[in-house]
Amino acid sequence: MLIEIDPMRKKGLTRRTVLTGGAVLASGVIIFGGVIGVSIVARSAEPGASGKTIQYPTFGIDFNYTPGLELEYQTAILQGIRKKAAEAGLVMQVFGCKGDPQLQLTQILDAVTRKPDALLINPLDAKLIVAGIKRANEANIPIFIIGNPPSEGKFLGLVDFDNEAAGAIGADELAKLIGEKGVVLEALDAVGSNQPQLRHKGFTERMKAKYPDIQVRSLNTERVADNPDKIDDAYKILLHALTQNPSIVGVFSDDDQIIPSVVSALRQMCKLVLVGQQGHVAIVSVNGTPGALDRIRKGTQDASVGKDPDGMARIALDQIIAYFEGKPFDAKGRAKPILITKENVDDPNLWGNSFQ
């Protein structure tokens, strides 16, 4: 689906853009966990325009930049945005909503009063931010979304990860590792988004359709991915589940961040056996974090279904740049998952290896 820009946009005219002949379009970019859109005023790039000022279009990014266990992946997306923004000559600042969905909503509502030219939002809770999305719609502020689309309201662009495919890939790999039979545990991170549900759907439907001799037992942990205070709770839940089901031969998690608790629980039960050794409990998860790659190298984890934060950042910035330039663009971009095992774990193109 292509978004066609209105005629005024095609002429290079925006609500806050003043372009003179030959001037180079640039954007002041504010990446803000509390989204603001403050106008950037800069000297004209047009030759001979000494003393002339141009007010460039600005956009805010409300990002779930969480200082917890999810920090690595969120930071990786921001690194991708920085790279793309630098290539496009954009200027930006970065702030974070600290994993607080209510704070994120408050910040979006505050951003609307500042009237940015566009907002890029990385929702923490897709249902809670609906009020902010609708307020932005009322103010005619274009919205772009990364990862977790709101259930209501309008937005021009969406960039997401194929979560359902990730779950299916995880199912295929886990089934292969356990010989397509046995009991497996599915450990889900309980978050306020549809991403875990899509991975759950992809995993369970693939298991049901292709592997009738595998029994799946699912449980929710205590929102580990963006709350380090819940690590101990997740460990207790997983220890109880593994103790109650001693026949479990494999574990799938929708998030790499849950796996340290799985490893700790297996160690407590004296069942932590390295890959390739008899009695090993196969472990597959999603995200491709640096920690997951390290565990794959060490043999405590078999595989991770990696995401592509750099690709998501590139697609999102391409959408917004096209919007500012008055060009049509694809309203939906999707990053594809990649299976990471010991065979390709050292690939420098994996974000978990390039993350700094």
Protein backbone atom coordinates (compact mmCIF):
# COMPACT_ATOMS: atom_id res chain seq x y z
CA MET A 1 0.00 0.00 0.00
CA LEU A 2 1.38 3.40 -0.97
CA ILE A 3 0.61 6.61 0.85
CA GLU A 4 0.09 9.47 -1.59
CA ILE A 5 1.11 12.85 -0.22
CA ASP A 6 -1.36 15.71 -0.62
CA PRO A 7 -0.66 18.34 -3.31
CA MET A 8 0.79 20.88 -0.86
CA ARG A 9 3.27 18.25 0.35
CA LYS A 10 4.24 17.42 -3.23
CA LYS A 11 5.17 21.05 -3.74
CA GLY A 12 7.48 20.86 -0.73
CA LEU A 13 5.20 22.95 1.46
CA THR A 14 4.64 21.77 4.99
CA ARG A 15 2.87 23.30 7.92
CA ARG A 16 6.17 24.66 9.20
CA THR A 17 8.42 24.47 6.18
CA VAL A 18 9.62 27.50 4.25
CA LEU A 19 11.80 26.52 1.29
CA THR A 20 13.49 29.00 -0.96
CA GLY A 21 14.79 28.18 -4.41
CA GLY A 22 17.71 25.73 -4.27
CA ALA A 23 17.63 25.32 -0.51
CA VAL A 24 18.55 21.91 0.87
CA LEU A 25 15.78 20.28 2.88
CA ALA A 26 16.90 19.21 6.33
CA SER A 27 14.95 18.12 9.37
CA GLY A 28 15.44 18.77 13.04
CA VAL A 29 14.82 15.41 14.64
CA ILE A 30 13.83 14.97 18.24
CA ILE A 31 13.81 11.39 19.48
CA PHE A 32 12.17 11.71 22.80
CA GLY A 33 10.79 9.18 25.27
CA GLY A 34 8.51 12.07 26.05
CA VAL A 35 8.04 13.14 22.47
CA ILE A 36 8.39 16.80 21.83
CA GLY A 37 8.57 18.58 18.53
CA VAL A 38 10.45 21.83 18.93
CA SER A 39 10.98 23.81 15.76
CA ILE A 40 14.55 23.91 14.52
CA VAL A 41 15.64 27.21 13.00
CA ALA A 42 18.87 27.12 11.01
CA ARG A 43 20.81 29.17 8.51
CA SER A 44 19.81 28.62 4.91
CA ALA A 45 21.96 26.24 2.88
CA GLU A 46 21.21 28.24 -0.22
CA PRO A 47 24.26 30.00 -1.71
CA GLY A 48 24.16 33.72 -1.16
CA ALA A 49 21.46 33.46 1.48
CA SER A 50 23.54 35.03 4.23
CA GLY A 51 21.41 36.11 7.15
CA LYS A 52 18.30 34.30 5.87
CA THR A 53 16.68 31.72 8.13
CA ILE A 54 14.58 28.71 7.21
CA GLN A 55 12.31 26.92 9.61
CA TYR A 56 12.79 23.23 8.93
CA PRO A 57 10.18 20.54 9.55
CA THR A 58 10.59 18.67 12.81
CA PHE A 59 9.27 15.42 14.16
CA GLY A 60 9.31 13.81 17.56
CA ILE A 61 9.91 10.18 18.40
CA ASP A 62 8.30 8.76 21.52
CA PHE A 63 10.42 5.74 22.15
CA ASN A 64 10.10 2.92 24.67
CA TYR A 65 13.72 3.53 25.62
CA THR A 66 13.68 1.41 28.74
CA PRO A 67 16.62 1.36 31.19
CA GLY A 68 16.00 -2.31 31.97
CA LEU A 69 16.74 -5.60 30.27
CA GLU A 70 15.15 -4.46 27.02
CA LEU A 71 17.65 -1.60 26.80
CA GLU A 72 19.95 -3.44 24.38
CA TYR A 73 17.37 -3.97 21.65
CA GLN A 74 15.79 -0.53 22.01
CA THR A 75 19.24 1.02 21.94
CA ALA A 76 20.06 -0.97 18.80
CA ILE A 77 17.03 0.53 17.03
CA LEU A 78 18.09 3.99 18.16
CA GLN A 79 21.59 3.33 16.83
CA GLY A 80 20.01 2.48 13.49
CA ILE A 81 17.97 5.68 13.58
CA ARG A 82 21.09 7.70 14.43
CA LYS A 83 22.92 6.18 11.48
CA LYS A 84 20.10 6.82 9.03
CA ALA A 85 19.49 10.31 10.41
CA ALA A 86 23.17 11.20 10.04
CA GLU A 87 23.15 9.98 6.44
CA ALA A 88 20.13 12.19 5.74
CA GLY A 89 21.60 15.19 7.54
CA LEU A 90 19.04 15.11 10.34
CA VAL A 91 19.61 16.39 13.88
CA MET A 92 18.14 14.66 16.90
CA GLN A 93 18.01 14.29 20.65
CA VAL A 94 17.22 11.08 22.52
CA PHE A 95 15.20 10.63 25.70
CA GLY A 96 13.30 7.67 27.16
CA CYS A 97 9.95 6.92 28.75
CA LYS A 98 11.66 4.49 31.16
CA GLY A 99 9.27 1.63 30.51
CA ASP A 100 6.31 3.50 32.00
CA PRO A 101 3.27 3.27 29.67
CA GLN A 102 1.34 5.94 31.59
CA LEU A 103 4.28 8.31 31.34
CA GLN A 104 4.49 7.61 27.62
CA LEU A 105 0.84 8.56 27.16
CA THR A 106 1.35 11.76 29.14
CA GLN A 107 4.35 12.64 27.01
CA ILE A 108 2.46 12.02 23.77
CA LEU A 109 -0.38 14.27 24.90
CA ASP A 110 2.16 16.93 25.85
CA ALA A 111 3.84 16.56 22.46
CA VAL A 112 0.59 17.22 20.65
CA THR A 113 0.34 20.64 22.33
CA ARG A 114 3.78 21.46 20.88
CA LYS A 115 2.50 20.70 17.36
CA PRO A 116 5.41 18.83 15.75
CA ASP A 117 5.24 18.15 12.01
CA ALA A 118 5.10 14.40 12.65
CA LEU A 119 5.46 11.87 15.45
CA LEU A 120 7.20 8.49 15.37
CA ILE A 121 6.01 6.41 18.30
CA ASN A 122 7.37 3.14 19.65
CA PRO A 123 4.41 2.13 21.87
CA LEU A 124 4.93 0.35 25.13
CA ASP A 125 1.22 -0.36 25.59
CA ALA A 126 -0.71 -0.20 22.32
CA LYS A 127 -4.10 0.13 24.02
CA LEU A 128 -3.14 2.79 26.53
CA ILE A 129 -1.71 5.20 23.97
CA VAL A 130 -4.89 5.27 21.88
CA ALA A 131 -5.94 8.49 23.62
CA GLY A 132 -2.68 10.11 22.56
CA ILE A 133 -2.99 8.86 18.99
CA LYS A 134 -6.53 10.23 18.70
CA ARG A 135 -5.46 13.57 20.14
CA ALA A 136 -2.72 13.77 17.53
CA ASN A 137 -5.25 12.85 14.84
CA GLU A 138 -7.49 15.70 15.97
CA ALA A 139 -4.54 18.06 15.69
CA ASN A 140 -3.73 16.74 12.18
CA ILE A 141 -0.27 15.60 13.28
CA PRO A 142 0.92 12.65 11.13
CA ILE A 143 1.76 9.53 13.14
CA PHE A 144 4.33 6.83 12.36
CA ILE A 145 4.58 3.65 14.44
CA ILE A 146 7.41 1.26 15.23
CA GLY A 147 6.62 -2.28 16.32
CA ASN A 148 3.32 -2.20 18.18
CA PRO A 149 0.36 -0.62 16.35
CA PRO A 150 -2.41 0.98 18.44
CA SER A 151 -5.80 -0.70 18.35
CA GLU A 152 -7.53 2.56 17.38
CA GLY A 153 -6.59 5.84 15.74
CA LYS A 154 -4.90 6.64 12.44
CA PHE A 155 -1.23 6.47 11.50
CA LEU A 156 0.53 6.91 8.17
CA GLY A 157 3.33 4.41 8.56
CA LEU A 158 4.03 1.20 10.45
CA VAL A 159 7.28 -0.72 10.76
CA ASP A 160 7.13 -4.07 12.50
CA PHE A 161 8.83 -7.42 12.85
CA ASP A 162 7.23 -10.61 11.51
CA ASN A 163 6.49 -11.98 14.96
CA GLU A 164 4.27 -14.82 13.78
CA ALA A 165 6.98 -16.07 11.42
CA ALA A 166 9.48 -15.84 14.28
CA GLY A 167 7.31 -18.13 16.39
CA ALA A 168 6.97 -20.62 13.55
CA ILE A 169 10.73 -20.64 12.91
CA GLY A 170 11.28 -21.22 16.63
CA ALA A 171 8.86 -24.16 16.53
CA ASP A 172 10.62 -25.77 13.59
CA GLU A 173 14.04 -25.43 15.18
CA LEU A 174 12.93 -26.71 18.59
CA ALA A 175 11.13 -29.65 16.98
CA LYS A 176 14.28 -30.57 15.06
CA LEU A 177 16.41 -30.37 18.19
CA ILE A 178 14.20 -32.76 20.20
CA GLY A 179 13.54 -35.25 17.41
CA GLU A 180 9.96 -34.02 16.83
CA LYS A 181 8.57 -35.61 19.99
CA GLY A 182 8.28 -34.90 23.68
CA VAL A 183 6.99 -32.19 26.03
CA VAL A 184 8.12 -28.59 25.62
CA LEU A 185 7.59 -25.49 27.72
CA GLU A 186 6.62 -22.19 26.12
CA ALA A 187 7.62 -19.27 28.37
CA LEU A 188 5.88 -16.04 27.38
CA ASP A 189 6.76 -12.56 28.56
CA ALA A 190 3.52 -10.94 29.75
CA VAL A 191 3.55 -7.49 28.15
CA GLY A 192 0.91 -5.04 26.98
CA SER A 193 1.37 -5.64 23.28
CA ASN A 194 0.36 -8.07 20.59
CA GLN A 195 3.94 -9.12 19.83
CA PRO A 196 4.13 -12.02 22.33
CA GLN A 197 0.68 -13.15 21.23
CA LEU A 198 1.76 -13.27 17.58
CA ARG A 199 4.90 -15.24 18.45
CA HIS A 200 2.76 -17.54 20.57
CA LYS A 201 0.36 -18.00 17.67
CA GLY A 202 3.14 -18.76 15.21
CA PHE A 203 4.77 -21.21 17.60
CA THR A 204 1.70 -23.13 18.75
CA GLU A 205 0.00 -23.29 15.35
CA ARG A 206 3.16 -24.60 13.70
CA MET A 207 3.58 -27.21 16.43
CA LYS A 208 -0.04 -28.31 16.09
CA ALA A 209 0.09 -28.47 12.30
CA LYS A 210 3.43 -30.21 11.82
CA TYR A 211 4.44 -31.97 15.02
CA PRO A 212 1.60 -34.03 16.53
CA ASP A 213 4.00 -35.89 18.84
CA ILE A 214 5.05 -32.71 20.63
CA GLN A 215 3.05 -31.45 23.61
CA VAL A 216 3.27 -27.70 24.34
CA ARG A 217 2.74 -26.35 27.84
CA SER A 218 2.54 -22.56 27.96
CA LEU A 219 2.91 -20.12 30.83
CA ASN A 220 3.40 -16.39 31.33
CA THR A 221 6.32 -14.98 33.26
CA GLU A 222 6.25 -11.68 35.12
CA ARG A 223 7.03 -9.10 32.43
CA VAL A 224 10.77 -9.63 32.50
CA ALA A 225 11.71 -7.94 29.23
CA ASP A 226 11.30 -4.36 30.43
CA ASN A 227 11.37 -4.85 34.20
CA PRO A 228 14.58 -6.17 35.79
CA ASP A 229 12.86 -6.24 39.18
CA LYS A 230 10.80 -9.19 37.94
CA ILE A 231 13.75 -11.48 37.18
CA ASP A 232 13.44 -13.33 40.48
CA ASP A 233 9.69 -13.80 39.99
CA ALA A 234 10.26 -15.26 36.53
CA TYR A 235 12.90 -17.60 37.90
CA LYS A 236 10.49 -18.91 40.56
CA ILE A 237 7.70 -19.40 38.00
CA LEU A 238 10.00 -21.26 35.63
CA LEU A 239 11.57 -23.36 38.38
CA HIS A 240 8.11 -24.43 39.52
CA ALA A 241 7.02 -25.25 35.95
CA LEU A 242 10.14 -27.27 35.19
CA THR A 243 9.91 -29.08 38.53
CA GLN A 244 6.28 -29.98 37.95
CA ASN A 245 7.10 -31.21 34.45
CA PRO A 246 10.37 -33.21 34.72
CA SER A 247 9.78 -34.72 31.28
CA ILE A 248 10.25 -31.38 29.50
CA VAL A 249 12.89 -31.73 26.80
CA GLY A 250 12.78 -28.25 25.29
CA VAL A 251 11.94 -24.62 26.06
CA PHE A 252 10.79 -21.87 23.71
CA SER A 253 10.56 -18.25 24.82
CA ASP A 254 9.25 -15.26 22.90
CA ASP A 255 12.06 -13.17 24.43
CA ASP A 256 15.77 -13.84 24.98
CA GLN A 257 15.57 -11.95 28.26
CA ILE A 258 13.64 -14.81 29.88
CA ILE A 259 16.32 -17.40 29.09
CA PRO A 260 18.72 -16.50 31.95
CA SER A 261 15.91 -17.46 34.34
CA VAL A 262 15.42 -20.73 32.42
CA VAL A 263 19.14 -21.47 32.68
CA SER A 264 19.15 -20.65 36.41
CA ALA A 265 16.16 -22.91 37.02
CA LEU A 266 17.77 -25.80 35.14
CA ARG A 267 21.00 -25.27 37.07
CA GLN A 268 19.08 -25.34 40.36
CA MET A 269 17.56 -28.67 39.31
CA CYS A 270 20.99 -30.02 38.28
CA LYS A 271 19.63 -30.35 34.73
CA LEU A 272 21.75 -27.71 33.01
CA VAL A 273 23.53 -29.82 30.39
CA LEU A 274 25.45 -28.30 27.47
CA VAL A 275 24.36 -28.62 23.84
CA GLY A 276 25.35 -31.98 22.37
CA GLN A 277 25.49 -33.81 25.68
CA GLN A 278 22.98 -36.40 26.85
CA GLY A 279 20.17 -34.91 28.88
CA HIS A 280 20.44 -31.45 27.34
CA VAL A 281 17.19 -29.45 27.44
CA ALA A 282 16.94 -27.63 24.09
CA ILE A 283 16.41 -23.86 24.31
CA VAL A 284 15.19 -21.54 21.54
CA SER A 285 14.08 -17.92 21.94
CA VAL A 286 13.53 -14.69 19.99
CA ASN A 287 15.42 -11.39 19.54
CA GLY A 288 19.09 -12.23 18.93
CA THR A 289 20.46 -10.21 21.85
CA PRO A 290 24.18 -10.14 22.71
CA GLY A 291 23.42 -12.33 25.73
CA ALA A 292 21.64 -14.92 23.61
CA LEU A 293 24.53 -15.06 21.16
CA ASP A 294 26.96 -15.52 24.03
CA ARG A 295 24.89 -18.40 25.43
CA ILE A 296 24.79 -20.04 21.99
CA ARG A 297 28.59 -19.84 21.83
CA LYS A 298 28.90 -21.34 25.31
CA GLY A 299 26.40 -24.12 24.60
CA THR A 300 23.74 -23.27 27.19
CA GLN A 301 21.29 -22.15 24.49
CA ASP A 302 20.69 -23.74 21.09
CA ALA A 303 19.25 -20.94 18.97
CA SER A 304 17.64 -17.53 18.83
CA VAL A 305 15.36 -16.10 16.14
CA GLY A 306 17.01 -12.75 15.49
CA LYS A 307 15.33 -9.43 14.82
CA ASP A 308 16.66 -6.63 12.62
CA PRO A 309 16.59 -3.33 14.53
CA ASP A 310 18.78 -1.57 11.98
CA GLY A 311 16.40 -2.57 9.20
CA MET A 312 13.38 -1.38 11.18
CA ALA A 313 15.05 1.97 11.85
CA ARG A 314 15.92 2.38 8.18
CA ILE A 315 12.35 1.69 7.04
CA ALA A 316 10.88 4.09 9.62
CA LEU A 317 13.23 6.92 8.64
CA ASP A 318 12.60 6.26 4.94
CA GLN A 319 8.87 6.67 5.53
CA ILE A 320 9.27 9.95 7.39
CA ILE A 321 11.81 11.37 4.96
CA ALA A 322 9.49 10.51 2.06
CA TYR A 323 6.66 12.23 3.91
CA PHE A 324 8.69 15.40 4.40
CA GLU A 325 9.82 15.35 0.77
CA GLY A 326 6.27 14.91 -0.51
CA LYS A 327 6.91 11.49 -2.04
CA PRO A 328 4.66 8.40 -1.91
CA PHE A 329 5.82 5.60 0.36
CA ASP A 330 4.87 2.11 1.46
CA ALA A 331 2.67 2.46 4.55
CA LYS A 332 3.81 -0.84 6.03
CA GLY A 333 7.33 -2.14 6.32
CA ARG A 334 8.29 -5.46 7.88
CA ALA A 335 11.63 -6.85 9.02
CA LYS A 336 12.12 -10.59 8.55
CA PRO A 337 13.45 -12.97 11.23
CA ILE A 338 16.67 -14.94 10.89
CA LEU A 339 17.55 -18.14 12.72
CA ILE A 340 20.78 -17.86 14.71
CA THR A 341 22.61 -21.05 15.69
CA LYS A 342 26.22 -22.01 16.40
CA GLU A 343 26.80 -22.11 12.62
CA ASN A 344 26.20 -18.37 12.11
CA VAL A 345 26.43 -16.91 15.61
CA ASP A 346 29.62 -14.99 14.78
CA ASP A 347 28.14 -13.26 11.72
CA PRO A 348 29.15 -9.58 12.11
CA ASN A 349 25.90 -8.50 10.46
CA LEU A 350 23.85 -9.75 13.41
CA TRP A 351 22.84 -6.82 15.57
CA GLY A 352 23.81 -8.72 18.72
CA ASN A 353 27.40 -8.76 17.45
CA SER A 354 27.54 -5.16 16.30
CA PHE A 355 25.74 -3.68 19.32
CA GLN A 356 27.80 -1.18 21.33
